[in-house]
PDB file of N, CA and C in Angstrom:
ATOM      1  N   MET A   1     -59.490  16.869 -58.984  1.00  0.00           N
ATOM      2  CA  MET A   1     -58.370  16.009 -58.627  1.00  0.00           C
ATOM      3  C   MET A   1     -58.169  16.055 -57.109  1.00  0.00           C
ATOM      4  N   ARG A   2     -58.096  14.882 -56.523  1.00  0.00           N
ATOM      5  CA  ARG A   2     -57.884  14.771 -55.086  1.00  0.00           C
ATOM      6  C   ARG A   2     -56.391  14.590 -54.809  1.00  0.00           C
ATOM      7  N   ILE A   3     -55.856  15.352 -53.885  1.00  0.00           N
ATOM      8  CA  ILE A   3     -54.439  15.291 -53.538  1.00  0.00           C
ATOM      9  C   ILE A   3     -54.252  14.344 -52.352  1.00  0.00           C
ATOM     10  N   ALA A   4     -53.275  13.470 -52.459  1.00  0.00           N
ATOM     11  CA  ALA A   4     -52.980  12.513 -51.396  1.00  0.00           C
ATOM     12  C   ALA A   4     -52.466  13.231 -50.150  1.00  0.00           C
ATOM     13  N   GLU A   5     -52.601  12.550 -49.020  1.00  0.00           N
ATOM     14  CA  GLU A   5     -52.098  13.052 -47.749  1.00  0.00           C
ATOM     15  C   GLU A   5     -51.059  12.071 -47.209  1.00  0.00           C
ATOM     16  N   VAL A   6     -50.278  12.503 -46.228  1.00  0.00           N
ATOM     17  CA  VAL A   6     -49.274  11.639 -45.617  1.00  0.00           C
ATOM     18  C   VAL A   6     -49.962  10.386 -45.078  1.00  0.00           C
ATOM     19  N   GLY A   7     -49.399   9.231 -45.388  1.00  0.00           N
ATOM     20  CA  GLY A   7     -49.955   7.963 -44.935  1.00  0.00           C
ATOM     21  C   GLY A   7     -50.836   7.267 -45.955  1.00  0.00           C
ATOM     22  N   ASN A   8     -51.262   7.981 -46.999  1.00  0.00           N
ATOM     23  CA  ASN A   8     -52.083   7.363 -48.045  1.00  0.00           C
ATOM     24  C   ASN A   8     -51.248   6.403 -48.869  1.00  0.00           C
ATOM     25  N   ILE A   9     -51.902   5.383 -49.395  1.00  0.00           N
ATOM     26  CA  ILE A   9     -51.261   4.456 -50.318  1.00  0.00           C
ATOM     27  C   ILE A   9     -51.718   4.836 -51.723  1.00  0.00           C
ATOM     28  N   ILE A  10     -50.746   5.057 -52.607  1.00  0.00           N
ATOM     29  CA  ILE A  10     -51.070   5.472 -53.965  1.00  0.00           C
ATOM     30  C   ILE A  10     -50.504   4.474 -54.969  1.00  0.00           C
ATOM     31  N   GLU A  11     -51.066   4.524 -56.181  1.00  0.00           N
ATOM     32  CA  GLU A  11     -50.573   3.704 -57.284  1.00  0.00           C
ATOM     33  C   GLU A  11     -50.236   4.632 -58.436  1.00  0.00           C
ATOM     34  N   PHE A  12     -49.150   4.306 -59.140  1.00  0.00           N
ATOM     35  CA  PHE A  12     -48.716   5.128 -60.265  1.00  0.00           C
ATOM     36  C   PHE A  12     -48.041   4.233 -61.284  1.00  0.00           C
ATOM     37  N   GLU A  13     -47.549   4.793 -62.356  1.00  0.00           N
ATOM     38  CA  GLU A  13     -46.970   4.114 -63.515  1.00  0.00           C
ATOM     39  C   GLU A  13     -46.731   2.606 -63.370  1.00  0.00           C
ATOM     40  N   ASP A  14     -47.365   1.853 -64.230  1.00  0.00           N
ATOM     41  CA  ASP A  14     -47.197   0.406 -64.339  1.00  0.00           C
ATOM     42  C   ASP A  14     -47.518  -0.356 -63.057  1.00  0.00           C
ATOM     43  N   GLY A  15     -48.424   0.152 -62.241  1.00  0.00           N
ATOM     44  CA  GLY A  15     -48.878  -0.570 -61.055  1.00  0.00           C
ATOM     45  C   GLY A  15     -47.991  -0.456 -59.831  1.00  0.00           C
ATOM     46  N   LEU A  16     -46.990   0.408 -59.862  1.00  0.00           N
ATOM     47  CA  LEU A  16     -46.157   0.602 -58.678  1.00  0.00           C
ATOM     48  C   LEU A  16     -46.989   1.243 -57.578  1.00  0.00           C
ATOM     49  N   GLN A  17     -46.713   0.874 -56.322  1.00  0.00           N
ATOM     50  CA  GLN A  17     -47.457   1.406 -55.192  1.00  0.00           C
ATOM     51  C   GLN A  17     -46.496   1.870 -54.120  1.00  0.00           C
ATOM     52  N   GLY A  18     -46.962   2.822 -53.301  1.00  0.00           N
ATOM     53  CA  GLY A  18     -46.137   3.303 -52.212  1.00  0.00           C
ATOM     54  C   GLY A  18     -46.942   4.097 -51.212  1.00  0.00           C
ATOM     55  N   ILE A  19     -46.301   4.414 -50.094  1.00  0.00           N
ATOM     56  CA  ILE A  19     -46.920   5.183 -49.022  1.00  0.00           C
ATOM     57  C   ILE A  19     -46.404   6.618 -49.098  1.00  0.00           C
ATOM     58  N   VAL A  20     -47.322   7.575 -49.077  1.00  0.00           N
ATOM     59  CA  VAL A  20     -46.963   8.989 -49.147  1.00  0.00           C
ATOM     60  C   VAL A  20     -46.287   9.400 -47.841  1.00  0.00           C
ATOM     61  N   GLU A  21     -45.081   9.968 -47.960  1.00  0.00           N
ATOM     62  CA  GLU A  21     -44.338  10.433 -46.790  1.00  0.00           C
ATOM     63  C   GLU A  21     -44.355  11.947 -46.648  1.00  0.00           C
ATOM     64  N   LYS A  22     -44.467  12.648 -47.770  1.00  0.00           N
ATOM     65  CA  LYS A  22     -44.484  14.117 -47.722  1.00  0.00           C
ATOM     66  C   LYS A  22     -45.290  14.638 -48.897  1.00  0.00           C
ATOM     67  N   VAL A  23     -46.065  15.694 -48.650  1.00  0.00           N
ATOM     68  CA  VAL A  23     -46.857  16.322 -49.703  1.00  0.00           C
ATOM     69  C   VAL A  23     -46.245  17.677 -50.012  1.00  0.00           C
ATOM     70  N   ASN A  24     -45.882  17.887 -51.273  1.00  0.00           N
ATOM     71  CA  ASN A  24     -45.360  19.169 -51.742  1.00  0.00           C
ATOM     72  C   ASN A  24     -46.438  19.872 -52.563  1.00  0.00           C
ATOM     73  N   GLU A  25     -46.146  21.058 -53.038  1.00  0.00           N
ATOM     74  CA  GLU A  25     -47.128  21.831 -53.795  1.00  0.00           C
ATOM     75  C   GLU A  25     -47.603  21.104 -55.047  1.00  0.00           C
ATOM     76  N   ASN A  26     -46.691  20.519 -55.803  1.00  0.00           N
ATOM     77  CA  ASN A  26     -47.033  19.873 -57.067  1.00  0.00           C
ATOM     78  C   ASN A  26     -46.788  18.374 -57.098  1.00  0.00           C
ATOM     79  N   SER A  27     -46.330  17.797 -55.984  1.00  0.00           N
ATOM     80  CA  SER A  27     -45.967  16.380 -55.994  1.00  0.00           C
ATOM     81  C   SER A  27     -45.995  15.790 -54.589  1.00  0.00           C
ATOM     82  N   VAL A  28     -45.797  14.477 -54.535  1.00  0.00           N
ATOM     83  CA  VAL A  28     -45.662  13.780 -53.252  1.00  0.00           C
ATOM     84  C   VAL A  28     -44.369  12.966 -53.273  1.00  0.00           C
ATOM     85  N   ILE A  29     -43.793  12.742 -52.095  1.00  0.00           N
ATOM     86  CA  ILE A  29     -42.653  11.857 -51.950  1.00  0.00           C
ATOM     87  C   ILE A  29     -43.196  10.541 -51.419  1.00  0.00           C
ATOM     88  N   VAL A  30     -42.854   9.450 -52.114  1.00  0.00           N
ATOM     89  CA  VAL A  30     -43.456   8.147 -51.853  1.00  0.00           C
ATOM     90  C   VAL A  30     -42.385   7.135 -51.461  1.00  0.00           C
ATOM     91  N   ASN A  31     -42.666   6.348 -50.411  1.00  0.00           N
ATOM     92  CA  ASN A  31     -41.795   5.258 -49.993  1.00  0.00           C
ATOM     93  C   ASN A  31     -42.260   3.994 -50.693  1.00  0.00           C
ATOM     94  N   LEU A  32     -41.409   3.413 -51.521  1.00  0.00           N
ATOM     95  CA  LEU A  32     -41.769   2.251 -52.325  1.00  0.00           C
ATOM     96  C   LEU A  32     -41.541   0.919 -51.618  1.00  0.00           C
ATOM     97  N   THR A  33     -40.899   0.915 -50.459  1.00  0.00           N
ATOM     98  CA  THR A  33     -40.606  -0.341 -49.768  1.00  0.00           C
ATOM     99  C   THR A  33     -41.883  -1.027 -49.285  1.00  0.00           C
ATOM    100  N   PHE A  34     -43.024  -0.389 -49.419  1.00  0.00           N
ATOM    101  CA  PHE A  34     -44.333  -0.945 -49.082  1.00  0.00           C
ATOM    102  C   PHE A  34     -44.653  -2.172 -49.933  1.00  0.00           C
ATOM    103  N   MET A  35     -44.174  -2.195 -51.167  1.00  0.00           N
ATOM    104  CA  MET A  35     -44.496  -3.280 -52.097  1.00  0.00           C
ATOM    105  C   MET A  35     -43.800  -4.575 -51.687  1.00  0.00           C
ATOM    106  N   GLU A  36     -44.510  -5.690 -51.774  1.00  0.00           N
ATOM    107  CA  GLU A  36     -43.932  -6.989 -51.412  1.00  0.00           C
ATOM    108  C   GLU A  36     -42.752  -7.360 -52.299  1.00  0.00           C
ATOM    109  N   ASN A  37     -42.809  -6.986 -53.581  1.00  0.00           N
ATOM    110  CA  ASN A  37     -41.743  -7.344 -54.522  1.00  0.00           C
ATOM    111  C   ASN A  37     -40.726  -6.217 -54.706  1.00  0.00           C
ATOM    112  N   PHE A  38     -40.599  -5.335 -53.731  1.00  0.00           N
ATOM    113  CA  PHE A  38     -39.697  -4.188 -53.838  1.00  0.00           C
ATOM    114  C   PHE A  38     -38.255  -4.616 -54.129  1.00  0.00           C
ATOM    115  N   ASN A  39     -37.743  -5.599 -53.410  1.00  0.00           N
ATOM    116  CA  ASN A  39     -36.343  -6.030 -53.588  1.00  0.00           C
ATOM    117  C   ASN A  39     -36.090  -6.595 -54.981  1.00  0.00           C
ATOM    118  N   GLU A  40     -37.074  -7.243 -55.555  1.00  0.00           N
ATOM    119  CA  GLU A  40     -36.921  -7.830 -56.893  1.00  0.00           C
ATOM    120  C   GLU A  40     -36.866  -6.755 -57.984  1.00  0.00           C
ATOM    121  N   LEU A  41     -37.509  -5.622 -57.747  1.00  0.00           N
ATOM    122  CA  LEU A  41     -37.608  -4.575 -58.761  1.00  0.00           C
ATOM    123  C   LEU A  41     -36.355  -3.712 -58.874  1.00  0.00           C
ATOM    124  N   GLU A  42     -35.500  -3.754 -57.870  1.00  0.00           N
ATOM    125  CA  GLU A  42     -34.263  -2.967 -57.867  1.00  0.00           C
ATOM    126  C   GLU A  42     -34.514  -1.479 -58.109  1.00  0.00           C
ATOM    127  N   LEU A  43     -35.410  -0.919 -57.310  1.00  0.00           N
ATOM    128  CA  LEU A  43     -35.746   0.505 -57.385  1.00  0.00           C
ATOM    129  C   LEU A  43     -35.143   1.243 -56.195  1.00  0.00           C
ATOM    130  N   GLU A  44     -35.086   2.559 -56.311  1.00  0.00           N
ATOM    131  CA  GLU A  44     -34.722   3.385 -55.157  1.00  0.00           C
ATOM    132  C   GLU A  44     -35.838   3.276 -54.118  1.00  0.00           C
ATOM    133  N   GLU A  45     -35.524   3.535 -52.845  1.00  0.00           N
ATOM    134  CA  GLU A  45     -36.526   3.416 -51.789  1.00  0.00           C
ATOM    135  C   GLU A  45     -37.634   4.454 -51.905  1.00  0.00           C
ATOM    136  N   LYS A  46     -37.281   5.641 -52.375  1.00  0.00           N
ATOM    137  CA  LYS A  46     -38.253   6.731 -52.458  1.00  0.00           C
ATOM    138  C   LYS A  46     -38.236   7.346 -53.846  1.00  0.00           C
ATOM    139  N   THR A  47     -39.381   7.951 -54.210  1.00  0.00           N
ATOM    140  CA  THR A  47     -39.471   8.654 -55.484  1.00  0.00           C
ATOM    141  C   THR A  47     -40.453   9.812 -55.356  1.00  0.00           C
ATOM    142  N   VAL A  48     -40.418  10.705 -56.321  1.00  0.00           N
ATOM    143  CA  VAL A  48     -41.312  11.864 -56.352  1.00  0.00           C
ATOM    144  C   VAL A  48     -42.310  11.673 -57.492  1.00  0.00           C
ATOM    145  N   ILE A  49     -43.593  11.873 -57.195  1.00  0.00           N
ATOM    146  CA  ILE A  49     -44.653  11.689 -58.177  1.00  0.00           C
ATOM    147  C   ILE A  49     -45.516  12.938 -58.229  1.00  0.00           C
ATOM    148  N   ASN A  50     -45.737  13.445 -59.427  1.00  0.00           N
ATOM    149  CA  ASN A  50     -46.608  14.599 -59.640  1.00  0.00           C
ATOM    150  C   ASN A  50     -48.043  14.231 -59.271  1.00  0.00           C
ATOM    151  N   HIS A  51     -48.801  15.195 -58.737  1.00  0.00           N
ATOM    152  CA  HIS A  51     -50.188  14.957 -58.329  1.00  0.00           C
ATOM    153  C   HIS A  51     -51.053  14.430 -59.478  1.00  0.00           C
ATOM    154  N   LYS A  52     -50.710  14.766 -60.697  1.00  0.00           N
ATOM    155  CA  LYS A  52     -51.513  14.349 -61.854  1.00  0.00           C
ATOM    156  C   LYS A  52     -51.257  12.891 -62.241  1.00  0.00           C
ATOM    157  N   ARG A  53     -50.246  12.262 -61.668  1.00  0.00           N
ATOM    158  CA  ARG A  53     -49.797  10.960 -62.155  1.00  0.00           C
ATOM    159  C   ARG A  53     -50.039   9.785 -61.201  1.00  0.00           C
ATOM    160  N   TYR A  54     -50.907   9.956 -60.214  1.00  0.00           N
ATOM    161  CA  TYR A  54     -51.196   8.841 -59.312  1.00  0.00           C
ATOM    162  C   TYR A  54     -52.677   8.761 -58.986  1.00  0.00           C
ATOM    163  N   THR A  55     -53.079   7.608 -58.449  1.00  0.00           N
ATOM    164  CA  THR A  55     -54.429   7.445 -57.917  1.00  0.00           C
ATOM    165  C   THR A  55     -54.290   6.965 -56.476  1.00  0.00           C
ATOM    166  N   ILE A  56     -55.205   7.389 -55.632  1.00  0.00           N
ATOM    167  CA  ILE A  56     -55.180   7.017 -54.226  1.00  0.00           C
ATOM    168  C   ILE A  56     -55.896   5.678 -54.063  1.00  0.00           C
ATOM    169  N   LEU A  57     -55.193   4.683 -53.531  1.00  0.00           N
ATOM    170  CA  LEU A  57     -55.776   3.366 -53.287  1.00  0.00           C
ATOM    171  C   LEU A  57     -56.379   3.275 -51.899  1.00  0.00           C
ATOM    172  N   TYR A  58     -55.717   3.866 -50.907  1.00  0.00           N
ATOM    173  CA  TYR A  58     -56.195   3.825 -49.536  1.00  0.00           C
ATOM    174  C   TYR A  58     -55.920   5.173 -48.886  1.00  0.00           C
ATOM    175  N   SER A  59     -56.932   5.679 -48.217  1.00  0.00           N
ATOM    176  CA  SER A  59     -56.819   6.947 -47.528  1.00  0.00           C
ATOM    177  C   SER A  59     -57.227   6.754 -46.067  1.00  0.00           C
ATOM    178  N   ASN A  60     -56.597   7.464 -45.168  1.00  0.00           N
ATOM    179  CA  ASN A  60     -56.918   7.350 -43.740  1.00  0.00           C
ATOM    180  C   ASN A  60     -58.354   7.746 -43.412  1.00  0.00           C
ATOM    181  N   ASP A  61     -58.965   8.582 -44.229  1.00  0.00           N
ATOM    182  CA  ASP A  61     -60.320   9.067 -43.938  1.00  0.00           C
ATOM    183  C   ASP A  61     -61.419   8.210 -44.566  1.00  0.00           C
ATOM    184  N   GLU A  62     -61.059   7.060 -45.141  1.00  0.00           N
ATOM    185  CA  GLU A  62     -62.063   6.188 -45.739  1.00  0.00           C
ATOM    186  C   GLU A  62     -62.566   5.185 -44.739  1.00  0.00           C
TER     187      GLU A  62
END
């Protein structure tokens, strides 16, 4: 399992996407305002996602 780094774009549950702002031991804090339809979804700006529950879409080292 590859762990995301700050600045990576990840995808998780039901196609939601966000930018990693902080990496913790077991999770990442993600900014969801990256999504074009963020305002329509009525979500909080940030959320916490366990490392096991996301995939990395874009990484700075790619």
